[in-house]
Amino acid sequence: MVDAAARVPDVPDPNDGNAHLLQTNHSDAFAFSATEELALQLYDQLEELELQQSLIQAHRAGMFHIQAASLQNMVES
């Protein structure tokens, strides 16, 4: 394990108002067990899939509106 005192601290991004929350003298502050790592990975995958699902639904809704408008134009012609 790396000695926390020997570690050179990262320079916080001045544009990030929460950067100070990530600064710590404890090298194991963000150490996760294998189970926790897996849970975090699965959560990230779930979030990604939900985003993709939302994009697909939005695309389908957009295509529906385009087709409806096209049909409306054909009826009016």
N, C-alpha and C. Protein backbone atom coordinates (compact mmCIF):
# COMPACT_ATOMS: atom_id res chain seq x y z
N MET A 1 0.84 -1.18 0.00
CA MET A 1 0.00 0.00 0.00
C MET A 1 0.89 1.24 0.00
N VAL A 2 0.47 2.26 -0.67
CA VAL A 2 1.23 3.50 -0.77
C VAL A 2 1.05 4.31 0.50
N ASP A 3 2.15 4.86 0.99
CA ASP A 3 2.10 5.72 2.17
C ASP A 3 1.37 7.00 1.80
N ALA A 4 0.32 7.32 2.50
CA ALA A 4 -0.51 8.48 2.18
C ALA A 4 0.29 9.77 2.29
N ALA A 5 1.21 9.86 3.23
CA ALA A 5 2.00 11.08 3.39
C ALA A 5 2.98 11.25 2.25
N ALA A 6 3.45 10.16 1.65
CA ALA A 6 4.41 10.24 0.56
C ALA A 6 3.74 10.56 -0.77
N ARG A 7 2.46 10.42 -0.83
CA ARG A 7 1.71 10.67 -2.06
C ARG A 7 1.64 12.15 -2.35
N VAL A 8 1.84 12.51 -3.61
CA VAL A 8 1.70 13.90 -4.02
C VAL A 8 0.22 14.14 -4.30
N PRO A 9 -0.39 15.09 -3.61
CA PRO A 9 -1.83 15.30 -3.81
C PRO A 9 -2.12 15.87 -5.19
N ASP A 10 -3.24 15.44 -5.73
CA ASP A 10 -3.70 15.99 -7.01
C ASP A 10 -4.13 17.42 -6.80
N VAL A 11 -3.94 18.22 -7.84
CA VAL A 11 -4.38 19.61 -7.77
C VAL A 11 -5.85 19.64 -8.13
N PRO A 12 -6.69 20.14 -7.24
CA PRO A 12 -8.12 20.17 -7.54
C PRO A 12 -8.43 21.14 -8.68
N ASP A 13 -9.42 20.79 -9.46
CA ASP A 13 -9.89 21.65 -10.54
C ASP A 13 -10.63 22.83 -9.92
N PRO A 14 -10.17 24.05 -10.17
CA PRO A 14 -10.82 25.21 -9.56
C PRO A 14 -12.26 25.41 -10.03
N ASN A 15 -12.62 24.79 -11.17
CA ASN A 15 -13.98 24.92 -11.69
C ASN A 15 -14.93 23.91 -11.06
N ASP A 16 -14.39 22.96 -10.32
CA ASP A 16 -15.20 21.92 -9.69
C ASP A 16 -15.42 22.29 -8.23
N GLY A 17 -16.62 22.66 -7.89
CA GLY A 17 -16.92 23.08 -6.53
C GLY A 17 -16.82 21.96 -5.51
N ASN A 18 -16.81 20.71 -5.98
CA ASN A 18 -16.75 19.57 -5.06
C ASN A 18 -15.40 18.87 -5.08
N ALA A 19 -14.40 19.44 -5.74
CA ALA A 19 -13.10 18.79 -5.87
C ALA A 19 -12.48 18.53 -4.51
N HIS A 20 -12.71 19.41 -3.56
CA HIS A 20 -12.13 19.23 -2.23
C HIS A 20 -12.63 17.97 -1.54
N LEU A 21 -13.79 17.46 -1.95
CA LEU A 21 -14.35 16.27 -1.33
C LEU A 21 -13.55 15.02 -1.68
N LEU A 22 -12.81 15.07 -2.79
CA LEU A 22 -12.04 13.91 -3.22
C LEU A 22 -10.62 13.91 -2.66
N GLN A 23 -10.23 14.97 -2.00
CA GLN A 23 -8.89 15.05 -1.42
C GLN A 23 -8.88 14.37 -0.07
N THR A 24 -7.94 13.44 0.13
CA THR A 24 -7.86 12.72 1.39
C THR A 24 -6.42 12.31 1.67
N ASN A 25 -6.08 12.17 2.92
CA ASN A 25 -4.77 11.67 3.31
C ASN A 25 -4.78 10.17 3.50
N HIS A 26 -5.93 9.55 3.31
CA HIS A 26 -6.07 8.11 3.51
C HIS A 26 -6.07 7.42 2.15
N SER A 27 -5.07 6.61 1.91
CA SER A 27 -4.94 5.98 0.60
C SER A 27 -6.03 4.95 0.33
N ASP A 28 -6.66 4.43 1.38
CA ASP A 28 -7.70 3.42 1.18
C ASP A 28 -9.10 3.99 1.30
N ALA A 29 -9.23 5.31 1.22
CA ALA A 29 -10.53 5.95 1.40
C ALA A 29 -11.54 5.49 0.34
N PHE A 30 -11.05 5.15 -0.85
CA PHE A 30 -11.96 4.76 -1.92
C PHE A 30 -11.70 3.31 -2.35
N ALA A 31 -11.21 2.50 -1.44
CA ALA A 31 -10.98 1.09 -1.74
C ALA A 31 -12.30 0.33 -1.57
N PHE A 32 -12.66 -0.42 -2.60
CA PHE A 32 -13.90 -1.18 -2.57
C PHE A 32 -13.58 -2.67 -2.60
N SER A 33 -14.44 -3.45 -2.00
CA SER A 33 -14.30 -4.91 -2.07
C SER A 33 -14.68 -5.35 -3.48
N ALA A 34 -14.37 -6.61 -3.80
CA ALA A 34 -14.71 -7.14 -5.12
C ALA A 34 -16.22 -7.09 -5.36
N THR A 35 -16.99 -7.36 -4.32
CA THR A 35 -18.46 -7.32 -4.43
C THR A 35 -18.94 -5.90 -4.69
N GLU A 36 -18.34 -4.93 -3.99
CA GLU A 36 -18.72 -3.53 -4.20
C GLU A 36 -18.34 -3.06 -5.60
N GLU A 37 -17.15 -3.47 -6.06
CA GLU A 37 -16.73 -3.13 -7.42
C GLU A 37 -17.71 -3.67 -8.44
N LEU A 38 -18.12 -4.93 -8.25
CA LEU A 38 -19.08 -5.55 -9.17
C LEU A 38 -20.40 -4.81 -9.14
N ALA A 39 -20.86 -4.46 -7.94
CA ALA A 39 -22.12 -3.72 -7.81
C ALA A 39 -22.03 -2.38 -8.53
N LEU A 40 -20.91 -1.68 -8.40
CA LEU A 40 -20.73 -0.39 -9.08
C LEU A 40 -20.70 -0.57 -10.59
N GLN A 41 -20.02 -1.62 -11.06
CA GLN A 41 -19.98 -1.88 -12.50
C GLN A 41 -21.36 -2.20 -13.04
N LEU A 42 -22.11 -3.02 -12.31
CA LEU A 42 -23.46 -3.36 -12.74
C LEU A 42 -24.37 -2.14 -12.75
N TYR A 43 -24.20 -1.28 -11.75
CA TYR A 43 -25.00 -0.06 -11.70
C TYR A 43 -24.68 0.83 -12.89
N ASP A 44 -23.39 0.96 -13.22
CA ASP A 44 -22.99 1.76 -14.38
C ASP A 44 -23.58 1.18 -15.66
N GLN A 45 -23.55 -0.15 -15.78
CA GLN A 45 -24.13 -0.80 -16.96
C GLN A 45 -25.63 -0.54 -17.04
N LEU A 46 -26.31 -0.63 -15.90
CA LEU A 46 -27.74 -0.37 -15.87
C LEU A 46 -28.05 1.05 -16.31
N GLU A 47 -27.29 2.01 -15.80
CA GLU A 47 -27.49 3.41 -16.18
C GLU A 47 -27.27 3.60 -17.69
N GLU A 48 -26.23 2.96 -18.23
CA GLU A 48 -25.94 3.05 -19.66
C GLU A 48 -27.07 2.45 -20.48
N LEU A 49 -27.58 1.30 -20.06
CA LEU A 49 -28.68 0.66 -20.77
C LEU A 49 -29.95 1.50 -20.71
N GLU A 50 -30.21 2.11 -19.57
CA GLU A 50 -31.39 2.97 -19.45
C GLU A 50 -31.26 4.20 -20.35
N LEU A 51 -30.06 4.74 -20.46
CA LEU A 51 -29.84 5.87 -21.37
C LEU A 51 -30.06 5.44 -22.82
N GLN A 52 -29.51 4.29 -23.19
CA GLN A 52 -29.70 3.79 -24.55
C GLN A 52 -31.18 3.54 -24.84
N GLN A 53 -31.89 2.99 -23.87
CA GLN A 53 -33.32 2.73 -24.04
C GLN A 53 -34.07 4.05 -24.25
N SER A 54 -33.73 5.06 -23.50
CA SER A 54 -34.38 6.37 -23.65
C SER A 54 -34.10 6.97 -25.02
N LEU A 55 -32.86 6.83 -25.49
CA LEU A 55 -32.52 7.35 -26.82
C LEU A 55 -33.27 6.61 -27.92
N ILE A 56 -33.40 5.30 -27.78
CA ILE A 56 -34.15 4.52 -28.77
C ILE A 56 -35.61 4.92 -28.76
N GLN A 57 -36.19 5.08 -27.58
CA GLN A 57 -37.59 5.49 -27.49
C GLN A 57 -37.80 6.88 -28.10
N ALA A 58 -36.87 7.77 -27.85
CA ALA A 58 -36.98 9.12 -28.41
C ALA A 58 -36.86 9.08 -29.93
N HIS A 59 -35.95 8.24 -30.41
CA HIS A 59 -35.79 8.10 -31.86
C HIS A 59 -37.06 7.54 -32.49
N ARG A 60 -37.62 6.51 -31.86
CA ARG A 60 -38.86 5.92 -32.39
C ARG A 60 -40.00 6.93 -32.37
N ALA A 61 -40.09 7.70 -31.31
CA ALA A 61 -41.15 8.72 -31.23
C ALA A 61 -40.95 9.76 -32.32
N GLY A 62 -39.70 10.13 -32.57
CA GLY A 62 -39.41 11.09 -33.64
C GLY A 62 -39.77 10.55 -34.99
N MET A 63 -39.45 9.26 -35.22
CA MET A 63 -39.80 8.64 -36.50
C MET A 63 -41.31 8.55 -36.66
N PHE A 64 -42.03 8.27 -35.58
CA PHE A 64 -43.48 8.21 -35.63
C PHE A 64 -44.05 9.56 -36.04
N HIS A 65 -43.52 10.64 -35.45
CA HIS A 65 -44.02 11.98 -35.78
C HIS A 65 -43.70 12.35 -37.23
N ILE A 66 -42.54 11.93 -37.72
CA ILE A 66 -42.18 12.19 -39.11
C ILE A 66 -43.12 11.45 -40.04
N GLN A 67 -43.40 10.16 -39.73
CA GLN A 67 -44.30 9.38 -40.57
C GLN A 67 -45.72 9.95 -40.53
N ALA A 68 -46.17 10.36 -39.35
CA ALA A 68 -47.51 10.94 -39.22
C ALA A 68 -47.61 12.22 -40.03
N ALA A 69 -46.56 13.06 -39.95
CA ALA A 69 -46.57 14.31 -40.72
C ALA A 69 -46.56 14.02 -42.21
N SER A 70 -45.82 13.01 -42.61
CA SER A 70 -45.76 12.64 -44.02
C SER A 70 -47.12 12.15 -44.50
N LEU A 71 -47.78 11.32 -43.69
CA LEU A 71 -49.12 10.85 -44.06
C LEU A 71 -50.11 12.01 -44.12
N GLN A 72 -49.98 12.94 -43.17
CA GLN A 72 -50.87 14.10 -43.17
C GLN A 72 -50.68 14.92 -44.44
N ASN A 73 -49.44 15.10 -44.86
CA ASN A 73 -49.17 15.84 -46.09
C ASN A 73 -49.73 15.13 -47.30
N MET A 74 -49.66 13.79 -47.31
CA MET A 74 -50.21 13.02 -48.43
C MET A 74 -51.72 13.16 -48.48
N VAL A 75 -52.38 13.18 -47.33
CA VAL A 75 -53.83 13.29 -47.27
C VAL A 75 -54.26 14.68 -47.74
N GLU A 76 -53.50 15.68 -47.35
CA GLU A 76 -53.85 17.06 -47.71
C GLU A 76 -53.57 17.36 -49.16
N SER A 77 -52.73 16.59 -49.81
CA SER A 77 -52.38 16.87 -51.22
C SER A 77 -53.44 16.40 -52.18
